[in-house]
């Protein structure tokens, strides 16, 4: 840090007949600058933890939702809610579904999804769009609930898109208290819980220039979803939990309990029903 820190002092005011104390405005800022310098030293580039290499050569949706998922969705019309570049939607189309609608708010990824569908020869089975009003048999959501800007509204939209008796199959993670719950911000395990949001955002701005100023504004969004929060949101929605599983991190499975699950869960997977 060059030069001396300049502390801005708030004006003295009058409350309840007494004077308020001057409050240093830049003390927090100085700490953020220090944290930023530490982050730059630790990780001058993007960490490679969330590269997706773990799914290389595998069908991701099958890994996350289990071998039975294709059987349960065979012959059905399915929405892939938050489809990204379409890999899961294409896997559904090639293995079981009668028709798949991939939904995402980002037109750039939808274009890549359409190109992939053409390349895989399933463009007549897969449709990719930003929105639809079609009612379907099932909704699939993979690695999306930790990114939705309004997860409660997403649950309601899923409910509205389902036919009576329809089902939501969802899997997402890492959740916020997972060692890598900060996604890109996880320069080391739990770094996103140690460093301030401002310091992490400033560090990220050196790597990506999308103008994000908060976790929620980064590309794809990051809503700090926890397991407890997700359970609460589902209970407040009209959907009914069939099952919900917090899958433990393999190396931490011996420590995985109801009380430690926020820190030891790898992914959450669940089945929600519309009655």
C-alpha atoms as a PDB file:
ATOM      1  CA  UNK A   1       0.000   0.000   0.000  1.00  0.00           C
ATOM      2  CA  UNK A   2       1.567   3.279  -1.155  1.00  0.00           C
ATOM      3  CA  UNK A   3       1.324   6.307   1.091  1.00  0.00           C
ATOM      4  CA  UNK A   4      -0.583   6.583   4.342  1.00  0.00           C
ATOM      5  CA  UNK A   5      -4.164   5.418   4.674  1.00  0.00           C
ATOM      6  CA  UNK A   6      -6.668   8.244   4.502  1.00  0.00           C
ATOM      7  CA  UNK A   7      -9.471   7.702   7.018  1.00  0.00           C
ATOM      8  CA  UNK A   8     -12.720   9.444   6.240  1.00  0.00           C
ATOM      9  CA  UNK A   9     -14.598  10.577   9.324  1.00  0.00           C
ATOM     10  CA  UNK A  10     -18.359  10.859   9.343  1.00  0.00           C
ATOM     11  CA  UNK A  11     -19.782  14.199  10.541  1.00  0.00           C
ATOM     12  CA  UNK A  12     -20.659  14.609  14.197  1.00  0.00           C
ATOM     13  CA  UNK A  13     -24.407  14.440  14.638  1.00  0.00           C
ATOM     14  CA  UNK A  14     -26.959  14.823  17.408  1.00  0.00           C
ATOM     15  CA  UNK A  15     -29.098  11.881  18.491  1.00  0.00           C
ATOM     16  CA  UNK A  16     -31.335  11.772  21.496  1.00  0.00           C
ATOM     17  CA  UNK A  17     -29.733  14.861  22.945  1.00  0.00           C
ATOM     18  CA  UNK A  18     -26.162  13.469  22.778  1.00  0.00           C
ATOM     19  CA  UNK A  19     -23.321  13.631  20.287  1.00  0.00           C
ATOM     20  CA  UNK A  20     -22.532  10.632  18.129  1.00  0.00           C
ATOM     21  CA  UNK A  21     -18.907   9.567  18.075  1.00  0.00           C
ATOM     22  CA  UNK A  22     -16.908  10.071  14.878  1.00  0.00           C
ATOM     23  CA  UNK A  23     -16.830   6.755  12.975  1.00  0.00           C
ATOM     24  CA  UNK A  24     -13.765   5.815  10.870  1.00  0.00           C
ATOM     25  CA  UNK A  25     -15.091   5.055   7.412  1.00  0.00           C
ATOM     26  CA  UNK A  26     -11.894   3.587   5.909  1.00  0.00           C
ATOM     27  CA  UNK A  27     -10.844   1.106   8.588  1.00  0.00           C
ATOM     28  CA  UNK A  28     -12.784  -1.610   6.805  1.00  0.00           C
ATOM     29  CA  UNK A  29     -11.413  -0.399   3.477  1.00  0.00           C
ATOM     30  CA  UNK A  30      -7.827  -0.748   4.688  1.00  0.00           C
ATOM     31  CA  UNK A  31      -8.533  -4.327   5.757  1.00  0.00           C
ATOM     32  CA  UNK A  32     -10.086  -5.045   2.365  1.00  0.00           C
ATOM     33  CA  UNK A  33      -6.964  -3.728   0.624  1.00  0.00           C
ATOM     34  CA  UNK A  34      -4.765  -5.943   2.762  1.00  0.00           C
ATOM     35  CA  UNK A  35      -6.925  -8.971   2.012  1.00  0.00           C
ATOM     36  CA  UNK A  36      -6.815  -8.157  -1.688  1.00  0.00           C
ATOM     37  CA  UNK A  37      -3.002  -8.117  -1.638  1.00  0.00           C
ATOM     38  CA  UNK A  38      -2.971 -11.474   0.139  1.00  0.00           C
ATOM     39  CA  UNK A  39      -5.354 -12.936  -2.443  1.00  0.00           C
ATOM     40  CA  UNK A  40      -3.185 -11.654  -5.295  1.00  0.00           C
ATOM     41  CA  UNK A  41      -0.142 -13.265  -3.694  1.00  0.00           C
ATOM     42  CA  UNK A  42      -1.906 -16.587  -3.115  1.00  0.00           C
ATOM     43  CA  UNK A  43      -3.687 -16.789  -6.462  1.00  0.00           C
ATOM     44  CA  UNK A  44      -2.575 -14.389  -9.222  1.00  0.00           C
ATOM     45  CA  UNK A  45      -4.778 -16.356 -11.641  1.00  0.00           C
ATOM     46  CA  UNK A  46      -8.024 -18.297 -11.486  1.00  0.00           C
ATOM     47  CA  UNK A  47      -7.972 -21.431  -9.317  1.00  0.00           C
ATOM     48  CA  UNK A  48      -8.669 -24.672 -11.125  1.00  0.00           C
ATOM     49  CA  UNK A  49     -10.888 -26.304  -8.497  1.00  0.00           C
ATOM     50  CA  UNK A  50     -14.170 -25.900 -10.410  1.00  0.00           C
ATOM     51  CA  UNK A  51     -12.976 -26.955 -13.860  1.00  0.00           C
ATOM     52  CA  UNK A  52     -15.459 -29.833 -14.214  1.00  0.00           C
ATOM     53  CA  UNK A  53     -12.679 -32.352 -14.866  1.00  0.00           C
ATOM     54  CA  UNK A  54     -14.316 -34.731 -12.385  1.00  0.00           C
ATOM     55  CA  UNK A  55     -17.071 -35.353 -14.964  1.00  0.00           C
ATOM     56  CA  UNK A  56     -14.760 -35.831 -17.941  1.00  0.00           C
ATOM     57  CA  UNK A  57     -15.796 -38.918 -19.871  1.00  0.00           C
ATOM     58  CA  UNK A  58     -18.924 -39.311 -17.734  1.00  0.00           C
ATOM     59  CA  UNK A  59     -22.580 -38.371 -18.090  1.00  0.00           C
ATOM     60  CA  UNK A  60     -22.908 -35.666 -15.448  1.00  0.00           C
ATOM     61  CA  UNK A  61     -26.666 -35.920 -14.938  1.00  0.00           C
ATOM     62  CA  UNK A  62     -26.334 -39.662 -14.388  1.00  0.00           C
ATOM     63  CA  UNK A  63     -23.520 -39.184 -11.865  1.00  0.00           C
ATOM     64  CA  UNK A  64     -25.488 -36.605  -9.882  1.00  0.00           C
ATOM     65  CA  UNK A  65     -29.006 -38.044 -10.030  1.00  0.00           C
ATOM     66  CA  UNK A  66     -28.192 -41.746 -10.206  1.00  0.00           C
ATOM     67  CA  UNK A  67     -28.481 -44.523 -12.768  1.00  0.00           C
ATOM     68  CA  UNK A  68     -32.264 -44.660 -12.376  1.00  0.00           C
ATOM     69  CA  UNK A  69     -32.895 -41.137 -13.671  1.00  0.00           C
ATOM     70  CA  UNK A  70     -33.044 -42.144 -17.336  1.00  0.00           C
ATOM     71  CA  UNK A  71     -35.570 -44.876 -16.544  1.00  0.00           C
ATOM     72  CA  UNK A  72     -37.755 -42.442 -14.595  1.00  0.00           C
ATOM     73  CA  UNK A  73     -37.715 -39.901 -17.427  1.00  0.00           C
ATOM     74  CA  UNK A  74     -38.053 -42.334 -20.325  1.00  0.00           C
ATOM     75  CA  UNK A  75     -40.659 -41.201 -22.845  1.00  0.00           C
ATOM     76  CA  UNK A  76     -41.436 -37.970 -20.974  1.00  0.00           C
ATOM     77  CA  UNK A  77     -41.355 -34.322 -21.970  1.00  0.00           C
ATOM     78  CA  UNK A  78     -38.700 -32.698 -19.783  1.00  0.00           C
ATOM     79  CA  UNK A  79     -37.480 -29.163 -19.098  1.00  0.00           C
ATOM     80  CA  UNK A  80     -33.802 -28.712 -18.241  1.00  0.00           C
ATOM     81  CA  UNK A  81     -34.149 -25.601 -16.064  1.00  0.00           C
ATOM     82  CA  UNK A  82     -30.891 -23.639 -16.207  1.00  0.00           C
ATOM     83  CA  UNK A  83     -29.542 -25.773 -19.033  1.00  0.00           C
ATOM     84  CA  UNK A  84     -26.311 -23.882 -19.667  1.00  0.00           C
ATOM     85  CA  UNK A  85     -24.604 -25.191 -22.815  1.00  0.00           C
ATOM     86  CA  UNK A  86     -27.047 -28.078 -23.094  1.00  0.00           C
ATOM     87  CA  UNK A  87     -24.964 -31.117 -22.162  1.00  0.00           C
ATOM     88  CA  UNK A  88     -27.548 -32.538 -19.745  1.00  0.00           C
ATOM     89  CA  UNK A  89     -30.470 -31.804 -22.073  1.00  0.00           C
ATOM     90  CA  UNK A  90     -28.663 -33.582 -24.906  1.00  0.00           C
ATOM     91  CA  UNK A  91     -27.896 -36.563 -22.639  1.00  0.00           C
ATOM     92  CA  UNK A  92     -31.607 -36.798 -21.766  1.00  0.00           C
ATOM     93  CA  UNK A  93     -32.571 -36.638 -25.435  1.00  0.00           C
ATOM     94  CA  UNK A  94     -30.092 -39.344 -26.412  1.00  0.00           C
ATOM     95  CA  UNK A  95     -31.001 -41.713 -23.589  1.00  0.00           C
ATOM     96  CA  UNK A  96     -34.631 -41.533 -22.661  1.00  0.00           C
ATOM     97  CA  UNK A  97     -36.744 -38.404 -23.034  1.00  0.00           C
ATOM     98  CA  UNK A  98     -39.361 -37.974 -25.741  1.00  0.00           C
ATOM     99  CA  UNK A  99     -38.588 -34.266 -25.932  1.00  0.00           C
ATOM    100  CA  UNK A 100     -36.388 -31.857 -23.962  1.00  0.00           C
ATOM    101  CA  UNK A 101     -36.727 -28.097 -23.537  1.00  0.00           C
ATOM    102  CA  UNK A 102     -33.548 -26.436 -22.314  1.00  0.00           C
ATOM    103  CA  UNK A 103     -34.116 -23.108 -20.565  1.00  0.00           C
ATOM    104  CA  UNK A 104     -31.509 -20.480 -19.694  1.00  0.00           C
ATOM    105  CA  UNK A 105     -31.562 -16.696 -19.498  1.00  0.00           C
ATOM    106  CA  UNK A 106     -28.193 -16.367 -21.293  1.00  0.00           C
ATOM    107  CA  UNK A 107     -28.589 -16.277 -25.059  1.00  0.00           C
ATOM    108  CA  UNK A 108     -24.889 -16.942 -25.655  1.00  0.00           C
ATOM    109  CA  UNK A 109     -25.007 -20.334 -23.925  1.00  0.00           C
ATOM    110  CA  UNK A 110     -28.296 -21.184 -25.648  1.00  0.00           C
ATOM    111  CA  UNK A 111     -26.619 -20.657 -29.024  1.00  0.00           C
ATOM    112  CA  UNK A 112     -23.823 -23.024 -28.022  1.00  0.00           C
ATOM    113  CA  UNK A 113     -26.413 -25.548 -26.811  1.00  0.00           C
ATOM    114  CA  UNK A 114     -28.229 -25.435 -30.164  1.00  0.00           C
ATOM    115  CA  UNK A 115     -24.939 -25.998 -31.994  1.00  0.00           C
ATOM    116  CA  UNK A 116     -24.146 -28.999 -29.793  1.00  0.00           C
ATOM    117  CA  UNK A 117     -27.615 -30.467 -30.372  1.00  0.00           C
ATOM    118  CA  UNK A 118     -27.116 -30.216 -34.141  1.00  0.00           C
ATOM    119  CA  UNK A 119     -23.711 -31.824 -33.855  1.00  0.00           C
ATOM    120  CA  UNK A 120     -25.158 -34.707 -31.807  1.00  0.00           C
ATOM    121  CA  UNK A 121     -28.100 -35.154 -34.178  1.00  0.00           C
ATOM    122  CA  UNK A 122     -30.815 -34.412 -31.591  1.00  0.00           C
ATOM    123  CA  UNK A 123     -31.895 -30.949 -32.767  1.00  0.00           C
ATOM    124  CA  UNK A 124     -35.383 -32.322 -33.467  1.00  0.00           C
ATOM    125  CA  UNK A 125     -35.690 -33.542 -29.862  1.00  0.00           C
ATOM    126  CA  UNK A 126     -34.003 -30.650 -28.055  1.00  0.00           C
ATOM    127  CA  UNK A 127     -35.359 -27.106 -28.026  1.00  0.00           C
ATOM    128  CA  UNK A 128     -33.421 -24.321 -26.306  1.00  0.00           C
ATOM    129  CA  UNK A 129     -35.091 -21.076 -25.251  1.00  0.00           C
ATOM    130  CA  UNK A 130     -35.124 -18.366 -22.598  1.00  0.00           C
ATOM    131  CA  UNK A 131     -38.717 -19.093 -21.545  1.00  0.00           C
ATOM    132  CA  UNK A 132     -41.664 -21.370 -22.254  1.00  0.00           C
ATOM    133  CA  UNK A 133     -45.255 -21.781 -21.138  1.00  0.00           C
ATOM    134  CA  UNK A 134     -45.489 -25.446 -22.119  1.00  0.00           C
ATOM    135  CA  UNK A 135     -46.556 -27.853 -19.353  1.00  0.00           C
ATOM    136  CA  UNK A 136     -44.270 -30.858 -19.006  1.00  0.00           C
ATOM    137  CA  UNK A 137     -43.963 -34.171 -17.174  1.00  0.00           C
ATOM    138  CA  UNK A 138     -40.742 -33.355 -15.352  1.00  0.00           C
ATOM    139  CA  UNK A 139     -38.238 -30.596 -14.653  1.00  0.00           C
ATOM    140  CA  UNK A 140     -34.531 -31.292 -14.215  1.00  0.00           C
ATOM    141  CA  UNK A 141     -32.208 -28.768 -12.603  1.00  0.00           C
ATOM    142  CA  UNK A 142     -28.475 -29.489 -12.406  1.00  0.00           C
ATOM    143  CA  UNK A 143     -26.028 -27.185 -10.584  1.00  0.00           C
ATOM    144  CA  UNK A 144     -28.403 -24.221 -10.776  1.00  0.00           C
ATOM    145  CA  UNK A 145     -30.013 -23.549  -7.399  1.00  0.00           C
ATOM    146  CA  UNK A 146     -26.840 -21.982  -6.000  1.00  0.00           C
ATOM    147  CA  UNK A 147     -26.886 -19.544  -8.937  1.00  0.00           C
ATOM    148  CA  UNK A 148     -30.515 -18.410  -9.271  1.00  0.00           C
ATOM    149  CA  UNK A 149     -30.960 -14.739  -8.358  1.00  0.00           C
ATOM    150  CA  UNK A 150     -34.425 -15.589  -6.986  1.00  0.00           C
ATOM    151  CA  UNK A 151     -34.545 -19.313  -6.113  1.00  0.00           C
ATOM    152  CA  UNK A 152     -38.018 -18.970  -4.611  1.00  0.00           C
ATOM    153  CA  UNK A 153     -39.349 -17.642  -7.917  1.00  0.00           C
ATOM    154  CA  UNK A 154     -37.509 -20.448  -9.734  1.00  0.00           C
ATOM    155  CA  UNK A 155     -39.328 -23.047  -7.614  1.00  0.00           C
ATOM    156  CA  UNK A 156     -42.662 -21.387  -8.343  1.00  0.00           C
ATOM    157  CA  UNK A 157     -41.898 -21.299 -12.085  1.00  0.00           C
ATOM    158  CA  UNK A 158     -41.032 -25.006 -11.993  1.00  0.00           C
ATOM    159  CA  UNK A 159     -44.325 -25.715 -10.242  1.00  0.00           C
ATOM    160  CA  UNK A 160     -46.245 -23.762 -12.882  1.00  0.00           C
ATOM    161  CA  UNK A 161     -44.506 -25.599 -15.736  1.00  0.00           C
ATOM    162  CA  UNK A 162     -45.323 -29.046 -14.362  1.00  0.00           C
ATOM    163  CA  UNK A 163     -48.435 -30.986 -15.203  1.00  0.00           C
ATOM    164  CA  UNK A 164     -50.375 -32.352 -12.179  1.00  0.00           C
ATOM    165  CA  UNK A 165     -48.375 -35.243 -10.761  1.00  0.00           C
ATOM    166  CA  UNK A 166     -45.165 -33.910 -12.320  1.00  0.00           C
ATOM    167  CA  UNK A 167     -41.751 -34.090 -10.696  1.00  0.00           C
ATOM    168  CA  UNK A 168     -38.664 -31.917 -10.190  1.00  0.00           C
ATOM    169  CA  UNK A 169     -35.314 -33.733 -10.134  1.00  0.00           C
ATOM    170  CA  UNK A 170     -32.625 -31.394  -8.834  1.00  0.00           C
ATOM    171  CA  UNK A 171     -28.990 -31.603  -7.848  1.00  0.00           C
ATOM    172  CA  UNK A 172     -26.771 -28.692  -6.952  1.00  0.00           C
ATOM    173  CA  UNK A 173     -23.547 -27.870  -5.205  1.00  0.00           C
ATOM    174  CA  UNK A 174     -21.204 -26.996  -3.794  1.00  0.00           C
ATOM    175  CA  UNK A 175     -23.404 -25.182  -1.306  1.00  0.00           C
ATOM    176  CA  UNK A 176     -22.134 -22.065   0.447  1.00  0.00           C
ATOM    177  CA  UNK A 177     -20.377 -23.674   3.440  1.00  0.00           C
ATOM    178  CA  UNK A 178     -18.704 -26.391   1.357  1.00  0.00           C
ATOM    179  CA  UNK A 179     -14.908 -25.940   1.265  1.00  0.00           C
ATOM    180  CA  UNK A 180     -15.271 -24.729  -2.338  1.00  0.00           C
ATOM    181  CA  UNK A 181     -18.678 -23.101  -1.900  1.00  0.00           C
ATOM    182  CA  UNK A 182     -17.329 -19.823  -3.215  1.00  0.00           C
ATOM    183  CA  UNK A 183     -16.798 -21.399  -6.650  1.00  0.00           C
ATOM    184  CA  UNK A 184     -14.289 -19.128  -8.432  1.00  0.00           C
ATOM    185  CA  UNK A 185     -13.700 -17.289  -5.143  1.00  0.00           C
ATOM    186  CA  UNK A 186     -12.448 -20.489  -3.479  1.00  0.00           C
ATOM    187  CA  UNK A 187      -8.737 -19.850  -3.955  1.00  0.00           C
ATOM    188  CA  UNK A 188      -8.296 -22.406  -1.166  1.00  0.00           C
ATOM    189  CA  UNK A 189     -10.858 -24.311   0.950  1.00  0.00           C
ATOM    190  CA  UNK A 190     -13.255 -21.935   2.746  1.00  0.00           C
ATOM    191  CA  UNK A 191     -11.425 -18.834   1.468  1.00  0.00           C
ATOM    192  CA  UNK A 192     -14.796 -17.284   0.594  1.00  0.00           C
ATOM    193  CA  UNK A 193     -15.714 -17.380   4.305  1.00  0.00           C
ATOM    194  CA  UNK A 194     -12.395 -15.894   5.462  1.00  0.00           C
ATOM    195  CA  UNK A 195     -11.970 -12.983   3.060  1.00  0.00           C
ATOM    196  CA  UNK A 196     -14.480 -10.169   2.661  1.00  0.00           C
ATOM    197  CA  UNK A 197     -16.791  -9.919  -0.322  1.00  0.00           C
ATOM    198  CA  UNK A 198     -15.204  -6.613  -1.335  1.00  0.00           C
ATOM    199  CA  UNK A 199     -11.688  -8.044  -1.317  1.00  0.00           C
ATOM    200  CA  UNK A 200     -12.744 -11.118  -3.277  1.00  0.00           C
ATOM    201  CA  UNK A 201     -14.659  -9.064  -5.836  1.00  0.00           C
ATOM    202  CA  UNK A 202     -11.676  -6.754  -6.329  1.00  0.00           C
ATOM    203  CA  UNK A 203      -9.392  -9.778  -6.792  1.00  0.00           C
ATOM    204  CA  UNK A 204     -11.843 -11.248  -9.327  1.00  0.00           C
ATOM    205  CA  UNK A 205     -12.089  -7.953 -11.235  1.00  0.00           C
ATOM    206  CA  UNK A 206      -8.431  -8.363 -12.178  1.00  0.00           C
ATOM    207  CA  UNK A 207      -9.337 -11.649 -13.876  1.00  0.00           C
ATOM    208  CA  UNK A 208     -12.777 -10.943 -15.336  1.00  0.00           C
ATOM    209  CA  UNK A 209     -14.122  -7.602 -16.549  1.00  0.00           C
ATOM    210  CA  UNK A 210     -17.907  -7.999 -16.295  1.00  0.00           C
ATOM    211  CA  UNK A 211     -18.275  -5.188 -13.740  1.00  0.00           C
ATOM    212  CA  UNK A 212     -19.641  -7.351 -10.907  1.00  0.00           C
ATOM    213  CA  UNK A 213     -19.600  -5.639  -7.495  1.00  0.00           C
ATOM    214  CA  UNK A 214     -21.245  -8.416  -5.448  1.00  0.00           C
ATOM    215  CA  UNK A 215     -21.316 -12.213  -5.420  1.00  0.00           C
ATOM    216  CA  UNK A 216     -24.840 -12.115  -6.846  1.00  0.00           C
ATOM    217  CA  UNK A 217     -23.691 -10.084  -9.879  1.00  0.00           C
ATOM    218  CA  UNK A 218     -20.970 -12.404 -11.170  1.00  0.00           C
ATOM    219  CA  UNK A 219     -21.565 -14.256 -14.422  1.00  0.00           C
ATOM    220  CA  UNK A 220     -24.029 -17.040 -13.643  1.00  0.00           C
ATOM    221  CA  UNK A 221     -24.777 -15.543 -10.228  1.00  0.00           C
ATOM    222  CA  UNK A 222     -23.872 -16.837  -6.771  1.00  0.00           C
ATOM    223  CA  UNK A 223     -26.628 -16.603  -4.160  1.00  0.00           C
ATOM    224  CA  UNK A 224     -24.813 -18.150  -1.153  1.00  0.00           C
ATOM    225  CA  UNK A 225     -27.270 -21.057  -1.009  1.00  0.00           C
ATOM    226  CA  UNK A 226     -27.154 -23.288   2.071  1.00  0.00           C
ATOM    227  CA  UNK A 227     -28.887 -26.607   2.647  1.00  0.00           C
ATOM    228  CA  UNK A 228     -31.079 -25.152   5.397  1.00  0.00           C
ATOM    229  CA  UNK A 229     -32.108 -22.240   3.197  1.00  0.00           C
ATOM    230  CA  UNK A 230     -33.012 -24.546   0.326  1.00  0.00           C
ATOM    231  CA  UNK A 231     -35.150 -26.734   2.598  1.00  0.00           C
ATOM    232  CA  UNK A 232     -36.935 -23.640   3.884  1.00  0.00           C
ATOM    233  CA  UNK A 233     -37.590 -22.341   0.356  1.00  0.00           C
ATOM    234  CA  UNK A 234     -39.033 -25.674  -0.748  1.00  0.00           C
ATOM    235  CA  UNK A 235     -41.307 -25.857   2.309  1.00  0.00           C
ATOM    236  CA  UNK A 236     -42.580 -22.367   1.482  1.00  0.00           C
ATOM    237  CA  UNK A 237     -43.283 -23.412  -2.104  1.00  0.00           C
ATOM    238  CA  UNK A 238     -46.258 -25.487  -3.346  1.00  0.00           C
ATOM    239  CA  UNK A 239     -43.895 -28.359  -4.215  1.00  0.00           C
ATOM    240  CA  UNK A 240     -43.666 -31.342  -1.872  1.00  0.00           C
ATOM    241  CA  UNK A 241     -40.387 -33.051  -0.962  1.00  0.00           C
ATOM    242  CA  UNK A 242     -40.330 -36.721  -1.983  1.00  0.00           C
ATOM    243  CA  UNK A 243     -36.727 -37.099  -0.831  1.00  0.00           C
ATOM    244  CA  UNK A 244     -33.781 -34.813  -0.173  1.00  0.00           C
ATOM    245  CA  UNK A 245     -30.253 -36.139   0.278  1.00  0.00           C
ATOM    246  CA  UNK A 246     -27.140 -34.278   1.379  1.00  0.00           C
ATOM    247  CA  UNK A 247     -24.376 -36.372  -0.200  1.00  0.00           C
ATOM    248  CA  UNK A 248     -21.217 -36.242   1.947  1.00  0.00           C
ATOM    249  CA  UNK A 249     -17.770 -35.243   0.708  1.00  0.00           C
ATOM    250  CA  UNK A 250     -15.968 -38.547   0.398  1.00  0.00           C
ATOM    251  CA  UNK A 251     -13.021 -37.571   2.609  1.00  0.00           C
ATOM    252  CA  UNK A 252     -15.316 -36.079   5.253  1.00  0.00           C
ATOM    253  CA  UNK A 253     -18.013 -38.752   5.303  1.00  0.00           C
ATOM    254  CA  UNK A 254     -17.025 -39.984   8.785  1.00  0.00           C
ATOM    255  CA  UNK A 255     -17.739 -36.482  10.128  1.00  0.00           C
ATOM    256  CA  UNK A 256     -20.972 -36.033   8.160  1.00  0.00           C
ATOM    257  CA  UNK A 257     -23.994 -35.610  10.445  1.00  0.00           C
ATOM    258  CA  UNK A 258     -27.149 -33.538  10.558  1.00  0.00           C
ATOM    259  CA  UNK A 259     -25.211 -30.943  12.560  1.00  0.00           C
ATOM    260  CA  UNK A 260     -22.100 -30.806  10.337  1.00  0.00           C
ATOM    261  CA  UNK A 261     -23.719 -31.294   6.928  1.00  0.00           C
ATOM    262  CA  UNK A 262     -23.428 -27.643   5.852  1.00  0.00           C
ATOM    263  CA  UNK A 263     -19.623 -28.028   5.914  1.00  0.00           C
ATOM    264  CA  UNK A 264     -19.334 -31.685   4.839  1.00  0.00           C
ATOM    265  CA  UNK A 265     -21.867 -32.020   2.018  1.00  0.00           C
ATOM    266  CA  UNK A 266     -20.638 -32.477  -1.543  1.00  0.00           C
ATOM    267  CA  UNK A 267     -23.944 -32.004  -3.388  1.00  0.00           C
ATOM    268  CA  UNK A 268     -27.635 -31.872  -2.580  1.00  0.00           C
ATOM    269  CA  UNK A 269     -30.012 -33.953  -4.652  1.00  0.00           C
ATOM    270  CA  UNK A 270     -33.741 -34.162  -4.321  1.00  0.00           C
ATOM    271  CA  UNK A 271     -37.046 -35.092  -5.865  1.00  0.00           C
ATOM    272  CA  UNK A 272     -39.956 -32.691  -5.504  1.00  0.00           C
ATOM    273  CA  UNK A 273     -43.535 -33.467  -6.523  1.00  0.00           C
ATOM    274  CA  UNK A 274     -46.485 -31.440  -7.758  1.00  0.00           C
ATOM    275  CA  UNK A 275     -49.587 -32.989  -6.251  1.00  0.00           C
END
